[in-house]
């Protein structure tokens, strides 16, 4: 007996692959100087990111073959429990690795694991499952709150907002009243504002975000250099590999501020193409969500698309100065194994949903 398995959506898959390989190309450009500076070889970060890409793409395609109904099982709760355990381990001195004043990683020797990246996807899965079953919603919210609190403690306000936002966006997809949805989003933002107002270094970020030239060599430095890179790109850019800001001037050019390096090298028109790819990814993802016949699939898909869109907007707005500086990767594009692997798992889930979607085009 031959079983006919529907194929996944090629358009969504191809956009995702294009973003992955664009990301690798610009990580290769943006990381060479930093790699030489810290390891003595211009190739070390490039090779590491290449290995991550080679692992992530098969993971994406493999996950796309797992039926989404698997996420109805109790294993989703165990996934969340494992993520919380990893976040707790991250906070333990000697296990958690401190970089740039934040304790976000667990060293595995050859690889640094960032559990907060996995927390984003785990939060979507447990909230979607709880809303679909119409039970254990309080438990899901409590577990997501624990994740958010542990990530905020690292500290990582940006990722905390992404994790916490999974609650109102999935609840809205499940039929939550629009007013309650808006109130939920406002609540997440209120918690963020309260944290900022009670944290001196966060208030300092706000102050120098509003006027970075008050401290151009200190707290305002990152934003100034990011805007210089974007401005230097002009319409056409300086050319691939020709960024000057990545040469020890722009902090973390291969991760948090890779958008700025890309803008400097390929200019406004190149950035417009990348933004168009992200918009196409989001719109096609929403098409898939609306075309699936199952509520669980719709909730999972909407949660993934919405939280990824929020993260993309935050990263780009930070680089351009529209939002205060916060450490957050650009999905698919920035370097980082945990970030890319998580995005590819999420993409694989959407591709699996697309197998059952009644897409008209």
C-alpha atoms as a PDB file:
ATOM      1  CA  UNK A   1       0.000   0.000   0.000  1.00  0.00           C
ATOM      2  CA  UNK A   2       1.437   3.383  -1.016  1.00  0.00           C
ATOM      3  CA  UNK A   3       0.790   6.324   1.318  1.00  0.00           C
ATOM      4  CA  UNK A   4       0.638   9.680  -0.414  1.00  0.00           C
ATOM      5  CA  UNK A   5       2.306  12.254   1.868  1.00  0.00           C
ATOM      6  CA  UNK A   6       1.550  15.843   0.842  1.00  0.00           C
ATOM      7  CA  UNK A   7       4.583  17.948   0.054  1.00  0.00           C
ATOM      8  CA  UNK A   8       5.427  21.034   2.075  1.00  0.00           C
ATOM      9  CA  UNK A   9       5.081  24.546   0.689  1.00  0.00           C
ATOM     10  CA  UNK A  10       8.018  25.247  -1.617  1.00  0.00           C
ATOM     11  CA  UNK A  11       7.611  29.010  -1.509  1.00  0.00           C
ATOM     12  CA  UNK A  12       7.931  29.189   2.283  1.00  0.00           C
ATOM     13  CA  UNK A  13      10.798  26.690   2.235  1.00  0.00           C
ATOM     14  CA  UNK A  14      12.709  28.594  -0.445  1.00  0.00           C
ATOM     15  CA  UNK A  15      12.325  31.955   1.330  1.00  0.00           C
ATOM     16  CA  UNK A  16      13.620  30.368   4.527  1.00  0.00           C
ATOM     17  CA  UNK A  17      16.611  28.825   2.742  1.00  0.00           C
ATOM     18  CA  UNK A  18      17.357  32.137   1.020  1.00  0.00           C
ATOM     19  CA  UNK A  19      17.430  33.937   4.382  1.00  0.00           C
ATOM     20  CA  UNK A  20      19.655  31.234   5.891  1.00  0.00           C
ATOM     21  CA  UNK A  21      22.228  31.469   3.117  1.00  0.00           C
ATOM     22  CA  UNK A  22      22.103  35.273   3.009  1.00  0.00           C
ATOM     23  CA  UNK A  23      22.775  35.149   6.731  1.00  0.00           C
ATOM     24  CA  UNK A  24      25.755  32.844   6.289  1.00  0.00           C
ATOM     25  CA  UNK A  25      27.207  35.063   3.571  1.00  0.00           C
ATOM     26  CA  UNK A  26      27.043  38.151   5.761  1.00  0.00           C
ATOM     27  CA  UNK A  27      28.222  36.376   8.913  1.00  0.00           C
ATOM     28  CA  UNK A  28      31.251  35.374   6.825  1.00  0.00           C
ATOM     29  CA  UNK A  29      31.821  39.019   5.945  1.00  0.00           C
ATOM     30  CA  UNK A  30      31.006  40.548   9.340  1.00  0.00           C
ATOM     31  CA  UNK A  31      32.878  38.071  11.538  1.00  0.00           C
ATOM     32  CA  UNK A  32      36.290  37.851   9.835  1.00  0.00           C
ATOM     33  CA  UNK A  33      37.897  40.734  11.739  1.00  0.00           C
ATOM     34  CA  UNK A  34      36.426  39.725  15.104  1.00  0.00           C
ATOM     35  CA  UNK A  35      37.440  36.133  14.473  1.00  0.00           C
ATOM     36  CA  UNK A  36      41.028  37.139  13.703  1.00  0.00           C
ATOM     37  CA  UNK A  37      41.095  39.373  16.758  1.00  0.00           C
ATOM     38  CA  UNK A  38      40.004  36.707  19.235  1.00  0.00           C
ATOM     39  CA  UNK A  39      41.231  33.435  17.743  1.00  0.00           C
ATOM     40  CA  UNK A  40      44.040  34.416  15.398  1.00  0.00           C
ATOM     41  CA  UNK A  41      42.194  33.005  12.408  1.00  0.00           C
ATOM     42  CA  UNK A  42      39.752  34.832  10.161  1.00  0.00           C
ATOM     43  CA  UNK A  43      37.993  31.532   9.485  1.00  0.00           C
ATOM     44  CA  UNK A  44      37.088  30.242  12.959  1.00  0.00           C
ATOM     45  CA  UNK A  45      33.654  31.919  13.276  1.00  0.00           C
ATOM     46  CA  UNK A  46      32.873  31.304   9.612  1.00  0.00           C
ATOM     47  CA  UNK A  47      33.618  27.586   9.934  1.00  0.00           C
ATOM     48  CA  UNK A  48      31.557  27.348  13.120  1.00  0.00           C
ATOM     49  CA  UNK A  49      28.591  29.083  11.456  1.00  0.00           C
ATOM     50  CA  UNK A  50      28.993  26.864   8.401  1.00  0.00           C
ATOM     51  CA  UNK A  51      28.761  23.772  10.568  1.00  0.00           C
ATOM     52  CA  UNK A  52      25.627  25.186  12.208  1.00  0.00           C
ATOM     53  CA  UNK A  53      24.053  25.809   8.782  1.00  0.00           C
ATOM     54  CA  UNK A  54      24.920  22.282   7.643  1.00  0.00           C
ATOM     55  CA  UNK A  55      23.247  20.896  10.764  1.00  0.00           C
ATOM     56  CA  UNK A  56      20.269  23.257  10.796  1.00  0.00           C
ATOM     57  CA  UNK A  57      18.991  22.747   7.251  1.00  0.00           C
ATOM     58  CA  UNK A  58      18.609  18.941   7.630  1.00  0.00           C
ATOM     59  CA  UNK A  59      16.985  19.564  11.036  1.00  0.00           C
ATOM     60  CA  UNK A  60      14.482  21.891   9.369  1.00  0.00           C
ATOM     61  CA  UNK A  61      13.654  19.347   6.666  1.00  0.00           C
ATOM     62  CA  UNK A  62      13.533  16.520   9.200  1.00  0.00           C
ATOM     63  CA  UNK A  63      11.154  18.350  11.552  1.00  0.00           C
ATOM     64  CA  UNK A  64       8.896  19.103   8.572  1.00  0.00           C
ATOM     65  CA  UNK A  65       8.175  15.366   8.359  1.00  0.00           C
ATOM     66  CA  UNK A  66       6.923  15.137  11.984  1.00  0.00           C
ATOM     67  CA  UNK A  67       3.143  15.380  12.010  1.00  0.00           C
ATOM     68  CA  UNK A  68       2.022  18.458  13.933  1.00  0.00           C
ATOM     69  CA  UNK A  69      -0.375  16.294  15.950  1.00  0.00           C
ATOM     70  CA  UNK A  70       2.686  15.119  17.867  1.00  0.00           C
ATOM     71  CA  UNK A  71       2.521  18.457  19.681  1.00  0.00           C
ATOM     72  CA  UNK A  72      -0.755  17.365  21.268  1.00  0.00           C
ATOM     73  CA  UNK A  73       1.114  14.866  23.419  1.00  0.00           C
ATOM     74  CA  UNK A  74       2.441  15.270  26.951  1.00  0.00           C
ATOM     75  CA  UNK A  75       5.985  15.555  25.601  1.00  0.00           C
ATOM     76  CA  UNK A  76       5.370  19.258  24.987  1.00  0.00           C
ATOM     77  CA  UNK A  77       5.196  19.744  28.764  1.00  0.00           C
ATOM     78  CA  UNK A  78       8.440  17.804  29.165  1.00  0.00           C
ATOM     79  CA  UNK A  79      10.088  20.007  26.550  1.00  0.00           C
ATOM     80  CA  UNK A  80       9.126  23.076  28.582  1.00  0.00           C
ATOM     81  CA  UNK A  81      10.372  21.419  31.785  1.00  0.00           C
ATOM     82  CA  UNK A  82      13.724  20.686  30.123  1.00  0.00           C
ATOM     83  CA  UNK A  83      14.013  24.296  28.930  1.00  0.00           C
ATOM     84  CA  UNK A  84      13.294  25.622  32.435  1.00  0.00           C
ATOM     85  CA  UNK A  85      15.951  23.267  33.846  1.00  0.00           C
ATOM     86  CA  UNK A  86      18.479  24.556  31.311  1.00  0.00           C
ATOM     87  CA  UNK A  87      17.605  28.156  32.211  1.00  0.00           C
ATOM     88  CA  UNK A  88      18.181  27.339  35.893  1.00  0.00           C
ATOM     89  CA  UNK A  89      21.539  25.742  35.047  1.00  0.00           C
ATOM     90  CA  UNK A  90      22.470  28.876  33.112  1.00  0.00           C
ATOM     91  CA  UNK A  91      22.086  30.900  36.330  1.00  0.00           C
ATOM     92  CA  UNK A  92      24.480  28.669  38.286  1.00  0.00           C
ATOM     93  CA  UNK A  93      28.077  30.010  38.483  1.00  0.00           C
ATOM     94  CA  UNK A  94      30.514  27.576  36.931  1.00  0.00           C
ATOM     95  CA  UNK A  95      27.870  26.241  34.538  1.00  0.00           C
ATOM     96  CA  UNK A  96      26.446  29.424  33.052  1.00  0.00           C
ATOM     97  CA  UNK A  97      28.847  31.462  30.927  1.00  0.00           C
ATOM     98  CA  UNK A  98      28.995  35.235  31.400  1.00  0.00           C
ATOM     99  CA  UNK A  99      29.595  37.310  28.271  1.00  0.00           C
ATOM    100  CA  UNK A 100      29.119  41.060  28.075  1.00  0.00           C
ATOM    101  CA  UNK A 101      27.687  41.138  31.589  1.00  0.00           C
ATOM    102  CA  UNK A 102      24.924  38.611  30.823  1.00  0.00           C
ATOM    103  CA  UNK A 103      24.746  34.972  31.910  1.00  0.00           C
ATOM    104  CA  UNK A 104      22.874  33.472  28.946  1.00  0.00           C
ATOM    105  CA  UNK A 105      24.929  30.479  27.827  1.00  0.00           C
ATOM    106  CA  UNK A 106      25.971  26.995  28.921  1.00  0.00           C
ATOM    107  CA  UNK A 107      29.375  25.930  27.652  1.00  0.00           C
ATOM    108  CA  UNK A 108      29.538  22.504  26.018  1.00  0.00           C
ATOM    109  CA  UNK A 109      33.190  22.949  25.102  1.00  0.00           C
ATOM    110  CA  UNK A 110      32.901  23.106  21.318  1.00  0.00           C
ATOM    111  CA  UNK A 111      29.532  24.855  21.469  1.00  0.00           C
ATOM    112  CA  UNK A 112      27.728  27.355  23.686  1.00  0.00           C
ATOM    113  CA  UNK A 113      24.063  26.560  24.251  1.00  0.00           C
ATOM    114  CA  UNK A 114      21.639  29.471  24.753  1.00  0.00           C
ATOM    115  CA  UNK A 115      18.518  28.025  26.424  1.00  0.00           C
ATOM    116  CA  UNK A 116      16.525  31.261  26.092  1.00  0.00           C
ATOM    117  CA  UNK A 117      16.332  30.647  22.337  1.00  0.00           C
ATOM    118  CA  UNK A 118      14.623  27.310  22.911  1.00  0.00           C
ATOM    119  CA  UNK A 119      12.335  28.946  25.487  1.00  0.00           C
ATOM    120  CA  UNK A 120      10.746  31.040  22.716  1.00  0.00           C
ATOM    121  CA  UNK A 121       9.582  27.966  20.805  1.00  0.00           C
ATOM    122  CA  UNK A 122       8.684  25.945  23.922  1.00  0.00           C
ATOM    123  CA  UNK A 123       6.430  28.787  25.113  1.00  0.00           C
ATOM    124  CA  UNK A 124       4.571  28.797  21.799  1.00  0.00           C
ATOM    125  CA  UNK A 125       4.060  25.030  21.912  1.00  0.00           C
ATOM    126  CA  UNK A 126       2.720  24.839  25.476  1.00  0.00           C
ATOM    127  CA  UNK A 127       0.429  27.833  25.039  1.00  0.00           C
ATOM    128  CA  UNK A 128      -0.911  26.450  21.746  1.00  0.00           C
ATOM    129  CA  UNK A 129      -1.529  23.049  23.317  1.00  0.00           C
ATOM    130  CA  UNK A 130      -3.303  24.568  26.328  1.00  0.00           C
ATOM    131  CA  UNK A 131      -5.519  26.783  24.163  1.00  0.00           C
ATOM    132  CA  UNK A 132      -6.357  23.889  21.833  1.00  0.00           C
ATOM    133  CA  UNK A 133      -7.317  21.532  24.680  1.00  0.00           C
ATOM    134  CA  UNK A 134      -9.053  24.369  26.568  1.00  0.00           C
ATOM    135  CA  UNK A 135      -7.441  23.228  29.798  1.00  0.00           C
ATOM    136  CA  UNK A 136      -4.177  23.762  31.681  1.00  0.00           C
ATOM    137  CA  UNK A 137      -4.056  27.341  30.415  1.00  0.00           C
ATOM    138  CA  UNK A 138      -3.097  28.584  33.879  1.00  0.00           C
ATOM    139  CA  UNK A 139      -0.280  26.013  34.030  1.00  0.00           C
ATOM    140  CA  UNK A 140       0.997  27.107  30.603  1.00  0.00           C
ATOM    141  CA  UNK A 141       0.977  30.771  31.636  1.00  0.00           C
ATOM    142  CA  UNK A 142       2.782  29.962  34.899  1.00  0.00           C
ATOM    143  CA  UNK A 143       5.504  27.992  33.063  1.00  0.00           C
ATOM    144  CA  UNK A 144       5.929  30.793  30.515  1.00  0.00           C
ATOM    145  CA  UNK A 145       6.127  33.299  33.386  1.00  0.00           C
ATOM    146  CA  UNK A 146       8.864  31.203  35.015  1.00  0.00           C
ATOM    147  CA  UNK A 147      10.787  31.149  31.717  1.00  0.00           C
ATOM    148  CA  UNK A 148      10.346  34.895  31.351  1.00  0.00           C
ATOM    149  CA  UNK A 149      11.550  35.552  34.898  1.00  0.00           C
ATOM    150  CA  UNK A 150      14.637  33.359  34.461  1.00  0.00           C
ATOM    151  CA  UNK A 151      15.542  35.032  31.165  1.00  0.00           C
ATOM    152  CA  UNK A 152      14.939  38.504  32.622  1.00  0.00           C
ATOM    153  CA  UNK A 153      17.336  37.602  35.433  1.00  0.00           C
ATOM    154  CA  UNK A 154      20.173  36.895  32.952  1.00  0.00           C
ATOM    155  CA  UNK A 155      19.447  39.830  32.090  1.00  0.00           C
ATOM    156  CA  UNK A 156      17.781  39.738  28.654  1.00  0.00           C
ATOM    157  CA  UNK A 157      14.762  42.021  28.425  1.00  0.00           C
ATOM    158  CA  UNK A 158      14.323  41.652  24.658  1.00  0.00           C
ATOM    159  CA  UNK A 159      14.036  37.860  24.729  1.00  0.00           C
ATOM    160  CA  UNK A 160      11.773  38.103  27.779  1.00  0.00           C
ATOM    161  CA  UNK A 161       9.352  40.227  25.760  1.00  0.00           C
ATOM    162  CA  UNK A 162       9.378  37.671  22.915  1.00  0.00           C
ATOM    163  CA  UNK A 163       8.683  34.767  25.297  1.00  0.00           C
ATOM    164  CA  UNK A 164       5.938  36.598  27.190  1.00  0.00           C
ATOM    165  CA  UNK A 165       4.265  37.804  23.974  1.00  0.00           C
ATOM    166  CA  UNK A 166       3.443  34.192  23.043  1.00  0.00           C
ATOM    167  CA  UNK A 167       0.633  34.249  25.638  1.00  0.00           C
ATOM    168  CA  UNK A 168      -1.531  37.089  24.233  1.00  0.00           C
ATOM    169  CA  UNK A 169      -0.852  36.376  20.544  1.00  0.00           C
ATOM    170  CA  UNK A 170      -1.829  32.693  20.757  1.00  0.00           C
ATOM    171  CA  UNK A 171      -4.752  33.467  23.053  1.00  0.00           C
ATOM    172  CA  UNK A 172      -5.920  35.976  20.432  1.00  0.00           C
ATOM    173  CA  UNK A 173      -5.619  33.320  17.705  1.00  0.00           C
ATOM    174  CA  UNK A 174      -7.751  31.090  19.941  1.00  0.00           C
ATOM    175  CA  UNK A 175     -10.559  33.640  19.955  1.00  0.00           C
ATOM    176  CA  UNK A 176      -9.615  35.956  22.794  1.00  0.00           C
ATOM    177  CA  UNK A 177     -11.525  39.236  22.737  1.00  0.00           C
ATOM    178  CA  UNK A 178      -9.601  41.969  20.904  1.00  0.00           C
ATOM    179  CA  UNK A 179      -9.785  44.271  23.918  1.00  0.00           C
ATOM    180  CA  UNK A 180      -8.346  41.559  26.172  1.00  0.00           C
ATOM    181  CA  UNK A 181      -5.629  40.902  23.571  1.00  0.00           C
ATOM    182  CA  UNK A 182      -4.651  44.573  23.529  1.00  0.00           C
ATOM    183  CA  UNK A 183      -4.711  44.602  27.328  1.00  0.00           C
ATOM    184  CA  UNK A 184      -2.440  41.528  27.349  1.00  0.00           C
ATOM    185  CA  UNK A 185       0.091  43.143  25.014  1.00  0.00           C
ATOM    186  CA  UNK A 186      -0.099  46.313  27.108  1.00  0.00           C
ATOM    187  CA  UNK A 187       0.550  44.201  30.206  1.00  0.00           C
ATOM    188  CA  UNK A 188       3.690  42.676  28.680  1.00  0.00           C
ATOM    189  CA  UNK A 189       4.924  46.143  27.733  1.00  0.00           C
ATOM    190  CA  UNK A 190       4.042  47.487  31.195  1.00  0.00           C
ATOM    191  CA  UNK A 191       6.156  44.793  32.851  1.00  0.00           C
ATOM    192  CA  UNK A 192       9.011  45.736  30.520  1.00  0.00           C
ATOM    193  CA  UNK A 193       8.646  49.429  31.310  1.00  0.00           C
ATOM    194  CA  UNK A 194       8.515  48.758  35.064  1.00  0.00           C
ATOM    195  CA  UNK A 195      11.674  46.668  34.810  1.00  0.00           C
ATOM    196  CA  UNK A 196      13.445  49.393  32.850  1.00  0.00           C
ATOM    197  CA  UNK A 197      12.398  52.086  35.301  1.00  0.00           C
ATOM    198  CA  UNK A 198      13.625  50.056  38.263  1.00  0.00           C
ATOM    199  CA  UNK A 199      16.958  49.134  36.678  1.00  0.00           C
ATOM    200  CA  UNK A 200      19.602  51.901  36.557  1.00  0.00           C
ATOM    201  CA  UNK A 201      21.533  50.559  33.567  1.00  0.00           C
ATOM    202  CA  UNK A 202      18.304  50.197  31.578  1.00  0.00           C
ATOM    203  CA  UNK A 203      17.338  53.787  32.371  1.00  0.00           C
ATOM    204  CA  UNK A 204      20.798  54.811  31.208  1.00  0.00           C
ATOM    205  CA  UNK A 205      20.141  53.032  27.917  1.00  0.00           C
ATOM    206  CA  UNK A 206      16.918  54.984  27.471  1.00  0.00           C
ATOM    207  CA  UNK A 207      18.693  58.265  28.234  1.00  0.00           C
ATOM    208  CA  UNK A 208      21.457  57.687  25.695  1.00  0.00           C
ATOM    209  CA  UNK A 209      19.053  56.214  23.152  1.00  0.00           C
ATOM    210  CA  UNK A 210      17.205  59.530  23.136  1.00  0.00           C
ATOM    211  CA  UNK A 211      20.509  61.387  22.699  1.00  0.00           C
ATOM    212  CA  UNK A 212      23.480  59.065  22.134  1.00  0.00           C
ATOM    213  CA  UNK A 213      25.844  62.027  21.714  1.00  0.00           C
ATOM    214  CA  UNK A 214      25.573  62.768  25.433  1.00  0.00           C
ATOM    215  CA  UNK A 215      28.092  59.941  25.835  1.00  0.00           C
ATOM    216  CA  UNK A 216      29.452  59.145  22.350  1.00  0.00           C
ATOM    217  CA  UNK A 217      32.318  56.972  23.618  1.00  0.00           C
ATOM    218  CA  UNK A 218      30.285  55.196  26.280  1.00  0.00           C
ATOM    219  CA  UNK A 219      26.586  54.380  26.505  1.00  0.00           C
ATOM    220  CA  UNK A 220      25.737  56.044  23.188  1.00  0.00           C
ATOM    221  CA  UNK A 221      28.596  54.397  21.298  1.00  0.00           C
ATOM    222  CA  UNK A 222      26.781  51.308  19.936  1.00  0.00           C
ATOM    223  CA  UNK A 223      23.905  53.261  18.447  1.00  0.00           C
ATOM    224  CA  UNK A 224      26.145  55.930  16.923  1.00  0.00           C
ATOM    225  CA  UNK A 225      28.346  53.346  15.204  1.00  0.00           C
ATOM    226  CA  UNK A 226      25.332  51.394  13.984  1.00  0.00           C
ATOM    227  CA  UNK A 227      23.814  54.514  12.420  1.00  0.00           C
ATOM    228  CA  UNK A 228      27.170  55.454  10.888  1.00  0.00           C
ATOM    229  CA  UNK A 229      27.324  52.030   9.224  1.00  0.00           C
ATOM    230  CA  UNK A 230      23.778  52.311   7.863  1.00  0.00           C
ATOM    231  CA  UNK A 231      24.397  55.865   6.634  1.00  0.00           C
ATOM    232  CA  UNK A 232      27.671  54.890   4.946  1.00  0.00           C
ATOM    233  CA  UNK A 233      25.841  52.314   2.844  1.00  0.00           C
ATOM    234  CA  UNK A 234      23.798  54.914   1.015  1.00  0.00           C
ATOM    235  CA  UNK A 235      21.650  53.640  -1.827  1.00  0.00           C
ATOM    236  CA  UNK A 236      23.953  51.023  -3.362  1.00  0.00           C
ATOM    237  CA  UNK A 237      26.321  50.140  -0.495  1.00  0.00           C
ATOM    238  CA  UNK A 238      30.089  49.956  -0.266  1.00  0.00           C
ATOM    239  CA  UNK A 239      30.203  46.448  -1.714  1.00  0.00           C
ATOM    240  CA  UNK A 240      30.180  42.986  -0.192  1.00  0.00           C
ATOM    241  CA  UNK A 241      32.988  42.636   2.348  1.00  0.00           C
ATOM    242  CA  UNK A 242      33.824  46.359   2.203  1.00  0.00           C
ATOM    243  CA  UNK A 243      32.281  47.459   5.518  1.00  0.00           C
ATOM    244  CA  UNK A 244      34.644  49.591   7.588  1.00  0.00           C
ATOM    245  CA  UNK A 245      32.500  49.712  10.733  1.00  0.00           C
ATOM    246  CA  UNK A 246      32.925  45.960  11.270  1.00  0.00           C
ATOM    247  CA  UNK A 247      36.687  46.443  11.653  1.00  0.00           C
ATOM    248  CA  UNK A 248      36.634  46.816  15.431  1.00  0.00           C
ATOM    249  CA  UNK A 249      34.321  49.847  15.524  1.00  0.00           C
ATOM    250  CA  UNK A 250      30.799  48.396  15.504  1.00  0.00           C
ATOM    251  CA  UNK A 251      30.188  46.052  18.478  1.00  0.00           C
ATOM    252  CA  UNK A 252      29.116  42.472  17.746  1.00  0.00           C
ATOM    253  CA  UNK A 253      28.842  43.079  13.973  1.00  0.00           C
ATOM    254  CA  UNK A 254      28.121  39.426  13.200  1.00  0.00           C
ATOM    255  CA  UNK A 255      25.211  39.091  15.644  1.00  0.00           C
ATOM    256  CA  UNK A 256      23.203  41.908  17.228  1.00  0.00           C
ATOM    257  CA  UNK A 257      24.252  44.546  14.686  1.00  0.00           C
ATOM    258  CA  UNK A 258      24.580  42.460  11.535  1.00  0.00           C
ATOM    259  CA  UNK A 259      21.716  44.470   9.994  1.00  0.00           C
ATOM    260  CA  UNK A 260      23.973  47.554  10.127  1.00  0.00           C
ATOM    261  CA  UNK A 261      26.848  45.756   8.392  1.00  0.00           C
ATOM    262  CA  UNK A 262      24.514  44.502   5.674  1.00  0.00           C
ATOM    263  CA  UNK A 263      23.185  48.038   5.149  1.00  0.00           C
ATOM    264  CA  UNK A 264      26.733  49.381   4.837  1.00  0.00           C
ATOM    265  CA  UNK A 265      27.751  46.725   2.321  1.00  0.00           C
ATOM    266  CA  UNK A 266      24.688  46.466   0.061  1.00  0.00           C
ATOM    267  CA  UNK A 267      22.925  49.740   0.800  1.00  0.00           C
ATOM    268  CA  UNK A 268      19.283  50.690   1.028  1.00  0.00           C
ATOM    269  CA  UNK A 269      18.258  48.685  -2.042  1.00  0.00           C
ATOM    270  CA  UNK A 270      19.885  45.506  -0.726  1.00  0.00           C
ATOM    271  CA  UNK A 271      18.301  45.948   2.685  1.00  0.00           C
ATOM    272  CA  UNK A 272      14.947  46.530   0.972  1.00  0.00           C
ATOM    273  CA  UNK A 273      15.274  43.117  -0.691  1.00  0.00           C
ATOM    274  CA  UNK A 274      16.004  41.418   2.657  1.00  0.00           C
ATOM    275  CA  UNK A 275      13.094  43.190   4.335  1.00  0.00           C
ATOM    276  CA  UNK A 276      10.884  42.114   1.425  1.00  0.00           C
ATOM    277  CA  UNK A 277      11.965  38.496   2.007  1.00  0.00           C
ATOM    278  CA  UNK A 278      10.998  38.748   5.672  1.00  0.00           C
ATOM    279  CA  UNK A 279       7.639  40.288   4.751  1.00  0.00           C
ATOM    280  CA  UNK A 280       7.041  37.502   2.214  1.00  0.00           C
ATOM    281  CA  UNK A 281       8.003  34.924   4.887  1.00  0.00           C
ATOM    282  CA  UNK A 282       5.520  36.408   7.362  1.00  0.00           C
ATOM    283  CA  UNK A 283       2.680  36.729   4.849  1.00  0.00           C
ATOM    284  CA  UNK A 284       3.165  33.229   3.469  1.00  0.00           C
ATOM    285  CA  UNK A 285       3.352  31.871   7.000  1.00  0.00           C
ATOM    286  CA  UNK A 286       0.049  33.556   7.820  1.00  0.00           C
ATOM    287  CA  UNK A 287      -1.455  32.122   4.612  1.00  0.00           C
ATOM    288  CA  UNK A 288      -0.473  28.665   5.839  1.00  0.00           C
ATOM    289  CA  UNK A 289      -1.918  29.317   9.312  1.00  0.00           C
ATOM    290  CA  UNK A 290      -5.273  30.445   7.918  1.00  0.00           C
ATOM    291  CA  UNK A 291      -5.419  27.528   5.456  1.00  0.00           C
ATOM    292  CA  UNK A 292      -4.871  24.668   7.929  1.00  0.00           C
ATOM    293  CA  UNK A 293      -8.060  22.869   9.043  1.00  0.00           C
ATOM    294  CA  UNK A 294      -6.904  22.133  12.595  1.00  0.00           C
ATOM    295  CA  UNK A 295      -7.035  24.648  15.467  1.00  0.00           C
ATOM    296  CA  UNK A 296      -3.848  23.319  17.088  1.00  0.00           C
ATOM    297  CA  UNK A 297      -1.945  23.809  13.836  1.00  0.00           C
ATOM    298  CA  UNK A 298      -3.321  27.333  13.536  1.00  0.00           C
ATOM    299  CA  UNK A 299      -2.305  28.279  17.067  1.00  0.00           C
ATOM    300  CA  UNK A 300       1.220  26.882  16.721  1.00  0.00           C
ATOM    301  CA  UNK A 301       1.762  28.495  13.333  1.00  0.00           C
ATOM    302  CA  UNK A 302       0.418  31.867  14.377  1.00  0.00           C
ATOM    303  CA  UNK A 303       2.566  31.835  17.522  1.00  0.00           C
ATOM    304  CA  UNK A 304       5.745  31.079  15.575  1.00  0.00           C
ATOM    305  CA  UNK A 305       5.078  33.646  12.852  1.00  0.00           C
ATOM    306  CA  UNK A 306       4.031  36.394  15.291  1.00  0.00           C
ATOM    307  CA  UNK A 307       6.942  35.995  17.727  1.00  0.00           C
ATOM    308  CA  UNK A 308       9.465  35.781  14.867  1.00  0.00           C
ATOM    309  CA  UNK A 309       8.000  38.927  13.311  1.00  0.00           C
ATOM    310  CA  UNK A 310       8.258  40.751  16.652  1.00  0.00           C
ATOM    311  CA  UNK A 311      11.900  39.708  17.038  1.00  0.00           C
ATOM    312  CA  UNK A 312      12.738  40.802  13.481  1.00  0.00           C
ATOM    313  CA  UNK A 313      11.139  44.207  13.989  1.00  0.00           C
ATOM    314  CA  UNK A 314      12.914  44.749  17.312  1.00  0.00           C
ATOM    315  CA  UNK A 315      16.353  43.875  15.882  1.00  0.00           C
ATOM    316  CA  UNK A 316      15.957  46.189  12.891  1.00  0.00           C
ATOM    317  CA  UNK A 317      14.546  49.003  14.998  1.00  0.00           C
ATOM    318  CA  UNK A 318      17.430  48.718  17.480  1.00  0.00           C
ATOM    319  CA  UNK A 319      19.988  48.909  14.656  1.00  0.00           C
ATOM    320  CA  UNK A 320      18.372  52.024  13.179  1.00  0.00           C
ATOM    321  CA  UNK A 321      17.804  53.720  16.539  1.00  0.00           C
ATOM    322  CA  UNK A 322      14.011  53.456  16.609  1.00  0.00           C
ATOM    323  CA  UNK A 323      14.215  51.275  19.749  1.00  0.00           C
ATOM    324  CA  UNK A 324      16.712  51.361  22.658  1.00  0.00           C
ATOM    325  CA  UNK A 325      19.702  49.038  22.322  1.00  0.00           C
ATOM    326  CA  UNK A 326      18.997  45.479  23.456  1.00  0.00           C
ATOM    327  CA  UNK A 327      20.847  42.305  22.586  1.00  0.00           C
ATOM    328  CA  UNK A 328      18.706  40.366  20.120  1.00  0.00           C
ATOM    329  CA  UNK A 329      19.585  38.393  17.019  1.00  0.00           C
ATOM    330  CA  UNK A 330      18.053  38.896  13.582  1.00  0.00           C
ATOM    331  CA  UNK A 331      16.273  35.583  12.765  1.00  0.00           C
ATOM    332  CA  UNK A 332      18.106  33.400  10.213  1.00  0.00           C
ATOM    333  CA  UNK A 333      20.712  36.126   9.616  1.00  0.00           C
ATOM    334  CA  UNK A 334      22.750  36.664  12.797  1.00  0.00           C
ATOM    335  CA  UNK A 335      25.436  34.223  13.874  1.00  0.00           C
ATOM    336  CA  UNK A 336      24.636  31.853  16.711  1.00  0.00           C
ATOM    337  CA  UNK A 337      24.008  28.133  16.760  1.00  0.00           C
ATOM    338  CA  UNK A 338      21.114  28.082  19.240  1.00  0.00           C
ATOM    339  CA  UNK A 339      19.321  30.883  17.383  1.00  0.00           C
ATOM    340  CA  UNK A 340      19.582  29.302  13.933  1.00  0.00           C
ATOM    341  CA  UNK A 341      18.779  25.769  15.072  1.00  0.00           C
ATOM    342  CA  UNK A 342      15.680  26.991  16.917  1.00  0.00           C
ATOM    343  CA  UNK A 343      14.562  28.992  13.871  1.00  0.00           C
ATOM    344  CA  UNK A 344      15.028  25.954  11.643  1.00  0.00           C
ATOM    345  CA  UNK A 345      13.011  23.755  14.012  1.00  0.00           C
ATOM    346  CA  UNK A 346      10.256  26.406  13.989  1.00  0.00           C
ATOM    347  CA  UNK A 347      10.444  26.581  10.191  1.00  0.00           C
ATOM    348  CA  UNK A 348      10.201  22.811   9.953  1.00  0.00           C
ATOM    349  CA  UNK A 349       7.021  22.937  12.030  1.00  0.00           C
ATOM    350  CA  UNK A 350       5.491  25.526   9.664  1.00  0.00           C
ATOM    351  CA  UNK A 351       6.520  23.416   6.670  1.00  0.00           C
ATOM    352  CA  UNK A 352       4.767  20.432   8.222  1.00  0.00           C
ATOM    353  CA  UNK A 353       1.630  22.513   8.736  1.00  0.00           C
ATOM    354  CA  UNK A 354       1.782  23.531   5.077  1.00  0.00           C
ATOM    355  CA  UNK A 355       1.443  19.858   4.077  1.00  0.00           C
ATOM    356  CA  UNK A 356      -2.123  19.975   5.360  1.00  0.00           C
ATOM    357  CA  UNK A 357      -2.996  23.535   4.345  1.00  0.00           C
ATOM    358  CA  UNK A 358      -5.476  24.189   1.560  1.00  0.00           C
ATOM    359  CA  UNK A 359      -3.384  26.844  -0.163  1.00  0.00           C
ATOM    360  CA  UNK A 360      -4.904  28.406  -3.254  1.00  0.00           C
ATOM    361  CA  UNK A 361      -1.666  29.779  -4.686  1.00  0.00           C
END
